[in-house]
Amino acid sequence: MTISVDERAEHIRREVTGWPGITTASGQYGETDFVVSGRSIGHVHGGHQADIPFPRRIRDELVAAGRTGPHHVHPDSGWTTLYIRTQADADEAIALLRINFDRVTHQA
């Protein structure tokens, strides 16, 4: 079954905001930013794109594994971009956000 871009966005938002301490903020480009303990763990542009920052080592591992790609504007940074076209991509965006959530909350 194919779900719409709006359904993918809602699925991601619902899942991620269910994690302890997560709040959302709106960005200047209409993105939904997911924040925990004052730190962004990444943001989504509706249900079509996720931008998630990682330390460079983790970013390089995730890109090499094909789980995400370099950031579409800043490809040499620790940021990544995942284009969300399917339900599986939405689930992968959630998994990547969870990696960052776990990393950030375990540092606190």
C-alpha atoms as a PDB file:
ATOM      1  CA  MET A   1       0.000   0.000   0.000  1.00  0.00           C
ATOM      2  CA  THR A   2       1.301   3.450  -0.924  1.00  0.00           C
ATOM      3  CA  ILE A   3       0.874   6.257   1.562  1.00  0.00           C
ATOM      4  CA  SER A   4       0.838   9.940   0.727  1.00  0.00           C
ATOM      5  CA  VAL A   5       3.543  12.436   1.567  1.00  0.00           C
ATOM      6  CA  ASP A   6       1.259  13.907   4.247  1.00  0.00           C
ATOM      7  CA  GLU A   7       0.717  10.468   5.791  1.00  0.00           C
ATOM      8  CA  ARG A   8       4.492   9.855   5.805  1.00  0.00           C
ATOM      9  CA  ALA A   9       5.046  13.227   7.522  1.00  0.00           C
ATOM     10  CA  GLU A  10       2.414  12.456  10.151  1.00  0.00           C
ATOM     11  CA  HIS A  11       3.846   8.960  10.727  1.00  0.00           C
ATOM     12  CA  ILE A  12       7.325  10.403  11.356  1.00  0.00           C
ATOM     13  CA  ARG A  13       6.024  13.207  13.568  1.00  0.00           C
ATOM     14  CA  ARG A  14       3.833  10.856  15.616  1.00  0.00           C
ATOM     15  CA  GLU A  15       6.628   8.336  16.181  1.00  0.00           C
ATOM     16  CA  VAL A  16       9.391  10.803  17.034  1.00  0.00           C
ATOM     17  CA  THR A  17       7.274  12.996  19.324  1.00  0.00           C
ATOM     18  CA  GLY A  18       6.446   9.851  21.293  1.00  0.00           C
ATOM     19  CA  TRP A  19      10.027   9.642  22.556  1.00  0.00           C
ATOM     20  CA  PRO A  20      10.759  11.077  26.011  1.00  0.00           C
ATOM     21  CA  GLY A  21      11.536  14.792  26.067  1.00  0.00           C
ATOM     22  CA  ILE A  22      11.038  15.443  22.338  1.00  0.00           C
ATOM     23  CA  THR A  23       9.502  18.756  21.349  1.00  0.00           C
ATOM     24  CA  THR A  24       9.066  20.270  17.912  1.00  0.00           C
ATOM     25  CA  ALA A  25       9.834  23.653  16.453  1.00  0.00           C
ATOM     26  CA  SER A  26       9.118  25.145  13.051  1.00  0.00           C
ATOM     27  CA  GLY A  27      12.051  26.235  10.950  1.00  0.00           C
ATOM     28  CA  GLN A  28      12.399  29.087   8.499  1.00  0.00           C
ATOM     29  CA  TYR A  29      11.869  26.777   5.520  1.00  0.00           C
ATOM     30  CA  GLY A  30       8.715  25.163   6.911  1.00  0.00           C
ATOM     31  CA  GLU A  31      10.559  22.178   8.344  1.00  0.00           C
ATOM     32  CA  THR A  32       9.635  20.442  11.579  1.00  0.00           C
ATOM     33  CA  ASP A  33      12.651  20.328  13.873  1.00  0.00           C
ATOM     34  CA  PHE A  34      12.828  17.628  16.552  1.00  0.00           C
ATOM     35  CA  VAL A  35      14.484  18.896  19.747  1.00  0.00           C
ATOM     36  CA  VAL A  36      15.551  17.140  22.948  1.00  0.00           C
ATOM     37  CA  SER A  37      17.318  18.861  25.838  1.00  0.00           C
ATOM     38  CA  GLY A  38      17.649  21.994  23.729  1.00  0.00           C
ATOM     39  CA  ARG A  39      19.433  20.156  20.894  1.00  0.00           C
ATOM     40  CA  SER A  40      18.109  19.409  17.446  1.00  0.00           C
ATOM     41  CA  ILE A  41      18.319  15.750  16.461  1.00  0.00           C
ATOM     42  CA  GLY A  42      17.218  16.589  12.921  1.00  0.00           C
ATOM     43  CA  HIS A  43      14.295  17.896  10.953  1.00  0.00           C
ATOM     44  CA  VAL A  44      11.901  16.874   8.228  1.00  0.00           C
ATOM     45  CA  HIS A  45      10.536  18.828   5.323  1.00  0.00           C
ATOM     46  CA  GLY A  46       7.054  17.362   5.315  1.00  0.00           C
ATOM     47  CA  GLY A  47       7.131  13.721   4.362  1.00  0.00           C
ATOM     48  CA  HIS A  48       9.625  14.075   1.546  1.00  0.00           C
ATOM     49  CA  GLN A  49      13.028  14.865   3.097  1.00  0.00           C
ATOM     50  CA  ALA A  50      14.864  14.376   6.392  1.00  0.00           C
ATOM     51  CA  ASP A  51      18.011  16.320   7.300  1.00  0.00           C
ATOM     52  CA  ILE A  52      19.886  14.884  10.270  1.00  0.00           C
ATOM     53  CA  PRO A  53      23.226  15.999  11.769  1.00  0.00           C
ATOM     54  CA  PHE A  54      25.750  13.481  13.045  1.00  0.00           C
ATOM     55  CA  PRO A  55      29.363  13.598  14.119  1.00  0.00           C
ATOM     56  CA  ARG A  56      31.396  13.167  10.943  1.00  0.00           C
ATOM     57  CA  ARG A  57      32.506   9.590  11.757  1.00  0.00           C
ATOM     58  CA  ILE A  58      28.909   8.406  12.218  1.00  0.00           C
ATOM     59  CA  ARG A  59      27.753  10.353   9.165  1.00  0.00           C
ATOM     60  CA  ASP A  60      30.447   8.710   7.046  1.00  0.00           C
ATOM     61  CA  GLU A  61      29.467   5.232   8.273  1.00  0.00           C
ATOM     62  CA  LEU A  62      25.764   5.820   7.550  1.00  0.00           C
ATOM     63  CA  VAL A  63      26.473   7.204   4.075  1.00  0.00           C
ATOM     64  CA  ALA A  64      28.867   4.333   3.264  1.00  0.00           C
ATOM     65  CA  ALA A  65      26.193   1.853   4.355  1.00  0.00           C
ATOM     66  CA  GLY A  66      23.693   3.506   1.992  1.00  0.00           C
ATOM     67  CA  ARG A  67      21.290   4.423   4.783  1.00  0.00           C
ATOM     68  CA  THR A  68      21.344   8.137   3.950  1.00  0.00           C
ATOM     69  CA  GLY A  69      23.264  10.559   1.772  1.00  0.00           C
ATOM     70  CA  PRO A  70      25.416  13.628   2.232  1.00  0.00           C
ATOM     71  CA  HIS A  71      23.456  16.806   2.943  1.00  0.00           C
ATOM     72  CA  HIS A  72      21.980  18.260  -0.230  1.00  0.00           C
ATOM     73  CA  VAL A  73      23.394  21.760   0.411  1.00  0.00           C
ATOM     74  CA  HIS A  74      26.388  21.078   2.692  1.00  0.00           C
ATOM     75  CA  PRO A  75      27.757  17.717   1.479  1.00  0.00           C
ATOM     76  CA  ASP A  76      31.074  18.074   3.315  1.00  0.00           C
ATOM     77  CA  SER A  77      29.473  18.618   6.725  1.00  0.00           C
ATOM     78  CA  GLY A  78      28.209  16.092   9.262  1.00  0.00           C
ATOM     79  CA  TRP A  79      24.660  16.699   8.056  1.00  0.00           C
ATOM     80  CA  THR A  80      22.841  14.049   6.038  1.00  0.00           C
ATOM     81  CA  THR A  81      19.825  14.119   3.740  1.00  0.00           C
ATOM     82  CA  LEU A  82      17.421  11.239   3.243  1.00  0.00           C
ATOM     83  CA  TYR A  83      14.834  11.631   0.508  1.00  0.00           C
ATOM     84  CA  ILE A  84      11.573  10.064   1.634  1.00  0.00           C
ATOM     85  CA  ARG A  85       9.649   8.458  -1.209  1.00  0.00           C
ATOM     86  CA  THR A  86       8.135   5.378   0.422  1.00  0.00           C
ATOM     87  CA  GLN A  87       6.916   4.064   3.758  1.00  0.00           C
ATOM     88  CA  ALA A  88      10.255   2.237   4.097  1.00  0.00           C
ATOM     89  CA  ASP A  89      12.077   5.560   3.658  1.00  0.00           C
ATOM     90  CA  ALA A  90       9.874   7.123   6.366  1.00  0.00           C
ATOM     91  CA  ASP A  91      10.739   4.230   8.668  1.00  0.00           C
ATOM     92  CA  GLU A  92      14.442   4.712   7.882  1.00  0.00           C
ATOM     93  CA  ALA A  93      14.132   8.431   8.703  1.00  0.00           C
ATOM     94  CA  ILE A  94      12.665   7.445  12.075  1.00  0.00           C
ATOM     95  CA  ALA A  95      15.503   4.957  12.640  1.00  0.00           C
ATOM     96  CA  LEU A  96      18.138   7.587  11.809  1.00  0.00           C
ATOM     97  CA  LEU A  97      16.490  10.133  14.084  1.00  0.00           C
ATOM     98  CA  ARG A  98      16.464   7.475  16.807  1.00  0.00           C
ATOM     99  CA  ILE A  99      20.213   6.929  16.406  1.00  0.00           C
ATOM    100  CA  ASN A 100      20.714  10.635  16.982  1.00  0.00           C
ATOM    101  CA  PHE A 101      18.203  10.759  19.838  1.00  0.00           C
ATOM    102  CA  ASP A 102      19.970   7.910  21.622  1.00  0.00           C
ATOM    103  CA  ARG A 103      23.363   9.492  21.012  1.00  0.00           C
ATOM    104  CA  VAL A 104      22.300  12.909  22.305  1.00  0.00           C
ATOM    105  CA  THR A 105      20.363  11.667  25.333  1.00  0.00           C
ATOM    106  CA  HIS A 106      23.153   9.340  26.437  1.00  0.00           C
ATOM    107  CA  GLN A 107      25.598  12.262  26.423  1.00  0.00           C
ATOM    108  CA  ALA A 108      23.463  14.247  28.830  1.00  0.00           C
END
